[in-house]
Amino acid sequence: MKLTGFFVVMPLLAFDVATTTLEPQTVKAFDQYVKRREAEMQARPSFLWCDGRQSCLSTVKQGDLMVEPRHQRGVHEVPGGLVHDWQGATFVPGVKLDDALAVLRNYDNYKNVYAPEVIDSKLLSRQGEQSKVFLRLRKKKILTVILNTEYDTLIERVDATHGRSRSFSTRIAEVDDPETKDEHEFPIGQDHGFMWRLNSYWRFEERNGGVYIECEAISLSRGVPMLLSSLMAPILRQLPRESLEKTLLATRRALLNQ
């Protein structure tokens, strides 16, 4: 074995046993953070956070993404975990509000629109604009983690030119030995802690010959253990941003390809 290979394998072996437990105090801190952020969203003077910032509007109107952290580097430490909070915006020319809402409502097609991060997707139930959804996710950065997740979602049209959606995870289970005969789920909240919660908030506004799309993703993961910081820090801190970027790009691509 090459020496460089040895140093790669050793942290991986250590990580293999580095499971942890989601504690009630961590859940409480996440819920409190979410409550504060939702109050701030409600108090925002403009429908889109990008409004009032000419640099943001110019960037997205040119076809680029604007993705930024809500605070510091997008990470807020809480007892026993990390809250990740990123917001992003894009503009899709030549489409209507209904087109954008239709992409989000087509849950069974998420596995195609948002592949390869979404492996499988299924609408479990629907009552009006409220839905229960299953997504099997692949998180990959150095290591590959498979998660079986479920969400409560609400998609609604606010008026003729505005729409919004919110999605709250209700179940997240990490999969051990995925896609083998020994595949099984870790007990909920007793796993490697890559993602314990995920809330997503979408806003859509039709104007200027297209639709502005914004999404804020607030997620919860374990903290970074000292012995595994070199391996886990880039995974825990960078994945939320990268996932949001991929989600916005995939949504934009799906609308442009209609």
Protein backbone atom coordinates (compact mmCIF):
# COMPACT_ATOMS: atom_id res chain seq x y z
CA MET A 1 0.00 0.00 0.00
CA LYS A 2 1.28 3.47 -0.84
CA LEU A 3 1.84 5.76 2.12
CA THR A 4 -0.62 8.33 0.76
CA GLY A 5 -3.27 5.64 0.48
CA PHE A 6 -2.68 4.64 4.08
CA PHE A 7 -3.51 8.11 5.37
CA VAL A 8 -6.72 8.12 3.33
CA VAL A 9 -7.84 4.72 4.57
CA MET A 10 -7.16 5.32 8.27
CA PRO A 11 -9.64 8.21 8.69
CA LEU A 12 -12.22 6.26 6.73
CA LEU A 13 -11.85 3.30 9.07
CA ALA A 14 -12.14 5.62 12.04
CA PHE A 15 -15.19 7.25 10.51
CA ASP A 16 -16.81 3.87 10.05
CA VAL A 17 -17.32 3.63 13.81
CA ALA A 18 -17.90 7.32 14.45
CA THR A 19 -21.65 7.13 14.86
CA THR A 20 -23.37 9.55 17.18
CA THR A 21 -26.78 10.23 18.74
CA LEU A 22 -29.15 13.11 18.06
CA GLU A 23 -29.91 14.59 21.48
CA PRO A 24 -33.14 16.39 22.51
CA GLN A 25 -31.19 19.58 23.23
CA THR A 26 -29.90 19.58 19.65
CA VAL A 27 -33.41 19.22 18.25
CA LYS A 28 -34.66 22.00 20.54
CA ALA A 29 -31.87 24.35 19.41
CA PHE A 30 -32.65 23.63 15.75
CA ASP A 31 -36.38 24.25 16.27
CA GLN A 32 -35.63 27.55 18.02
CA TYR A 33 -33.36 28.64 15.19
CA VAL A 34 -36.01 27.78 12.60
CA LYS A 35 -38.65 29.70 14.54
CA ARG A 36 -36.44 32.82 14.54
CA ARG A 37 -35.70 32.52 10.83
CA GLU A 38 -39.34 32.02 9.90
CA ALA A 39 -40.26 35.14 11.87
CA GLU A 40 -37.58 37.06 9.96
CA MET A 41 -38.93 35.76 6.65
CA GLN A 42 -42.42 36.92 7.56
CA ALA A 43 -41.13 40.36 8.55
CA ARG A 44 -39.14 40.85 5.35
CA PRO A 45 -40.41 43.97 3.52
CA SER A 46 -40.03 42.48 0.04
CA PHE A 47 -41.33 39.16 -1.26
CA LEU A 48 -37.86 38.16 -2.53
CA TRP A 49 -34.72 38.61 -0.46
CA CYS A 50 -32.90 39.44 -3.71
CA ASP A 51 -35.04 42.57 -4.15
CA GLY A 52 -33.37 45.73 -3.01
CA ARG A 53 -29.95 44.37 -3.91
CA GLN A 54 -29.09 45.39 -7.43
CA SER A 55 -26.04 43.14 -7.55
CA CYS A 56 -28.21 40.11 -6.78
CA LEU A 57 -30.86 40.98 -9.35
CA SER A 58 -28.22 41.69 -12.01
CA THR A 59 -26.42 38.42 -11.33
CA VAL A 60 -29.48 36.21 -11.61
CA LYS A 61 -30.92 38.13 -14.58
CA GLN A 62 -27.73 37.29 -16.49
CA GLY A 63 -28.40 33.60 -15.95
CA ASP A 64 -26.07 33.04 -13.00
CA LEU A 65 -26.84 31.76 -9.53
CA MET A 66 -26.61 33.84 -6.39
CA VAL A 67 -25.91 31.58 -3.40
CA GLU A 68 -24.83 32.91 -0.04
CA PRO A 69 -24.82 32.03 3.65
CA ARG A 70 -27.34 33.54 6.02
CA HIS A 71 -24.57 34.18 8.56
CA GLN A 72 -20.80 33.76 8.78
CA ARG A 73 -20.00 30.74 6.61
CA GLY A 74 -23.53 29.40 6.65
CA VAL A 75 -22.94 27.40 9.83
CA HIS A 76 -24.36 28.04 13.29
CA GLU A 77 -23.13 25.88 16.15
CA VAL A 78 -25.69 24.47 18.57
CA PRO A 79 -25.25 21.95 21.41
CA GLY A 80 -24.38 18.65 19.78
CA GLY A 81 -24.74 19.82 16.19
CA LEU A 82 -24.46 22.34 13.39
CA VAL A 83 -27.28 24.31 11.76
CA HIS A 84 -26.58 25.04 8.09
CA ASP A 85 -28.45 27.96 6.51
CA TRP A 86 -27.98 28.90 2.85
CA GLN A 87 -30.11 30.91 0.47
CA GLY A 88 -29.96 31.03 -3.31
CA ALA A 89 -31.65 32.72 -6.25
CA THR A 90 -31.90 32.30 -10.00
CA PHE A 91 -33.98 33.64 -12.90
CA VAL A 92 -35.56 31.55 -15.64
CA PRO A 93 -36.56 33.53 -18.76
CA GLY A 94 -39.55 32.70 -20.92
CA VAL A 95 -41.50 30.67 -18.35
CA LYS A 96 -44.59 31.28 -16.24
CA LEU A 97 -45.29 30.92 -12.54
CA ASP A 98 -47.45 27.85 -13.17
CA ASP A 99 -44.52 26.20 -14.96
CA ALA A 100 -42.27 26.60 -11.93
CA LEU A 101 -44.91 25.38 -9.48
CA ALA A 102 -45.59 22.37 -11.69
CA VAL A 103 -41.94 21.27 -11.48
CA LEU A 104 -42.06 21.32 -7.69
CA ARG A 105 -45.42 19.53 -7.57
CA ASN A 106 -44.22 16.63 -9.75
CA TYR A 107 -42.63 14.69 -6.90
CA ASP A 108 -42.49 11.39 -8.76
CA ASN A 109 -40.23 13.08 -11.31
CA TYR A 110 -37.71 14.41 -8.79
CA LYS A 111 -35.54 11.33 -9.38
CA ASN A 112 -35.12 12.52 -12.96
CA VAL A 113 -34.94 16.28 -12.45
CA TYR A 114 -32.64 16.19 -9.42
CA ALA A 115 -30.50 13.14 -10.22
CA PRO A 116 -27.96 11.99 -9.18
CA GLU A 117 -28.55 13.46 -5.70
CA VAL A 118 -32.14 12.18 -5.69
CA ILE A 119 -32.05 8.44 -6.39
CA ASP A 120 -35.74 7.76 -5.95
CA SER A 121 -38.83 9.87 -5.32
CA LYS A 122 -42.48 9.15 -4.64
CA LEU A 123 -45.61 11.04 -3.68
CA LEU A 124 -46.97 9.26 -0.60
CA SER A 125 -50.20 11.22 -0.20
CA ARG A 126 -51.80 14.52 -1.17
CA GLN A 127 -54.59 16.62 0.30
CA GLY A 128 -55.10 19.83 -1.59
CA GLU A 129 -51.73 21.57 -1.82
CA GLN A 130 -50.32 19.62 1.13
CA SER A 131 -48.31 16.50 0.34
CA LYS A 132 -46.24 13.79 1.99
CA VAL A 133 -43.20 12.87 -0.07
CA PHE A 134 -40.46 10.22 -0.02
CA LEU A 135 -36.97 10.95 -1.37
CA ARG A 136 -33.96 8.65 -1.36
CA LEU A 137 -30.91 10.90 -1.37
CA ARG A 138 -27.27 10.40 -2.22
CA LYS A 139 -24.84 12.76 -0.50
CA LYS A 140 -21.35 12.41 -1.93
CA LYS A 141 -18.16 14.20 -0.94
CA ILE A 142 -15.17 11.98 -0.14
CA LEU A 143 -17.68 9.50 1.25
CA THR A 144 -21.07 8.51 -0.14
CA VAL A 145 -24.05 8.55 2.21
CA ILE A 146 -27.53 7.28 1.30
CA LEU A 147 -30.55 8.66 3.16
CA ASN A 148 -34.20 7.62 3.11
CA THR A 149 -36.18 10.79 3.82
CA GLU A 150 -39.80 11.90 4.10
CA TYR A 151 -41.27 15.41 4.06
CA ASP A 152 -44.44 17.36 4.65
CA THR A 153 -44.74 19.94 1.87
CA LEU A 154 -47.03 22.81 0.99
CA ILE A 155 -47.03 24.54 -2.41
CA GLU A 156 -49.34 27.48 -2.89
CA ARG A 157 -50.03 30.32 -5.29
CA VAL A 158 -50.13 33.61 -3.42
CA ASP A 159 -51.59 35.64 -6.30
CA ALA A 160 -51.33 35.88 -10.08
CA THR A 161 -47.56 36.40 -10.07
CA HIS A 162 -46.34 35.00 -6.74
CA GLY A 163 -46.03 31.50 -5.33
CA ARG A 164 -44.26 29.81 -2.44
CA SER A 165 -43.47 26.42 -1.02
CA ARG A 166 -42.19 25.03 2.24
CA SER A 167 -40.96 21.55 3.02
CA PHE A 168 -40.15 20.05 6.43
CA SER A 169 -38.43 16.70 6.92
CA THR A 170 -40.43 14.29 9.08
CA ARG A 171 -38.13 11.27 8.83
CA ILE A 172 -34.44 10.95 7.89
CA ALA A 173 -32.78 7.54 8.09
CA GLU A 174 -29.21 6.82 7.03
CA VAL A 175 -28.84 3.58 5.06
CA ASP A 176 -26.12 1.09 5.94
CA ASP A 177 -24.75 -1.27 3.25
CA PRO A 178 -26.92 0.40 0.57
CA GLU A 179 -27.92 -1.52 -2.55
CA THR A 180 -26.75 -4.85 -1.14
CA LYS A 181 -28.62 -7.81 0.31
CA ASP A 182 -27.61 -6.55 3.76
CA GLU A 183 -29.06 -3.05 3.28
CA HIS A 184 -30.76 -1.68 6.38
CA GLU A 185 -31.39 1.61 8.10
CA PHE A 186 -29.56 2.89 11.13
CA PRO A 187 -31.91 3.69 14.03
CA ILE A 188 -33.32 7.20 13.56
CA GLY A 189 -30.95 9.71 15.14
CA GLN A 190 -28.26 7.10 15.82
CA ASP A 191 -26.06 7.29 12.76
CA HIS A 192 -23.14 9.30 11.33
CA GLY A 193 -25.16 12.52 11.58
CA PHE A 194 -24.66 13.91 8.09
CA MET A 195 -28.23 15.21 8.01
CA TRP A 196 -30.80 15.01 10.79
CA ARG A 197 -33.23 17.71 9.63
CA LEU A 198 -33.94 19.63 6.42
CA ASN A 199 -36.34 22.53 5.91
CA SER A 200 -36.67 24.22 2.52
CA TYR A 201 -38.44 27.50 1.72
CA TRP A 202 -39.13 28.46 -1.92
CA ARG A 203 -40.45 31.70 -3.39
CA PHE A 204 -41.40 32.42 -6.99
CA GLU A 205 -42.19 35.69 -8.69
CA GLU A 206 -43.18 36.08 -12.33
CA ARG A 207 -41.92 39.34 -13.83
CA ASN A 208 -39.52 40.72 -16.45
CA GLY A 209 -40.43 37.99 -18.92
CA GLY A 210 -39.68 35.04 -16.66
CA VAL A 211 -39.71 33.74 -13.10
CA TYR A 212 -37.40 34.61 -10.24
CA ILE A 213 -36.83 31.56 -8.04
CA GLU A 214 -35.41 31.62 -4.53
CA CYS A 215 -34.76 28.82 -2.06
CA GLU A 216 -33.48 28.83 1.49
CA ALA A 217 -32.36 25.50 2.95
CA ILE A 218 -31.92 25.07 6.70
CA SER A 219 -30.47 21.73 7.78
CA LEU A 220 -29.10 20.09 10.90
CA SER A 221 -26.06 17.83 11.15
CA ARG A 222 -23.77 16.58 13.89
CA GLY A 223 -20.86 18.69 15.05
CA VAL A 224 -17.35 17.99 13.81
CA PRO A 225 -15.47 15.60 16.13
CA MET A 226 -11.88 16.69 16.75
CA LEU A 227 -10.26 13.44 15.61
CA LEU A 228 -12.16 13.43 12.32
CA SER A 229 -12.21 17.15 11.57
CA SER A 230 -10.00 16.90 8.47
CA LEU A 231 -12.34 14.32 6.93
CA MET A 232 -15.75 15.46 8.11
CA ALA A 233 -15.44 19.26 8.13
CA PRO A 234 -15.55 19.64 4.32
CA ILE A 235 -18.44 17.18 4.13
CA LEU A 236 -20.58 18.79 6.82
CA ARG A 237 -19.78 22.40 5.93
CA GLN A 238 -19.69 22.32 2.11
CA LEU A 239 -22.42 19.83 1.21
CA PRO A 240 -25.37 22.09 2.16
CA ARG A 241 -24.18 24.86 -0.16
CA GLU A 242 -23.38 22.47 -2.99
CA SER A 243 -26.74 20.72 -2.63
CA LEU A 244 -28.59 24.04 -2.85
CA GLU A 245 -26.62 25.09 -5.93
CA LYS A 246 -27.37 21.76 -7.65
CA THR A 247 -31.06 22.00 -6.73
CA LEU A 248 -31.45 25.50 -8.18
CA LEU A 249 -29.51 24.62 -11.33
CA ALA A 250 -31.58 21.48 -11.86
CA THR A 251 -34.84 23.40 -11.39
CA ARG A 252 -33.70 26.03 -13.87
CA ARG A 253 -32.62 23.38 -16.37
CA ALA A 254 -35.94 21.51 -16.08
CA LEU A 255 -37.87 24.70 -16.81
CA LEU A 256 -35.70 25.70 -19.76
CA ASN A 257 -36.03 22.21 -21.27
CA GLN A 258 -39.83 22.13 -21.13
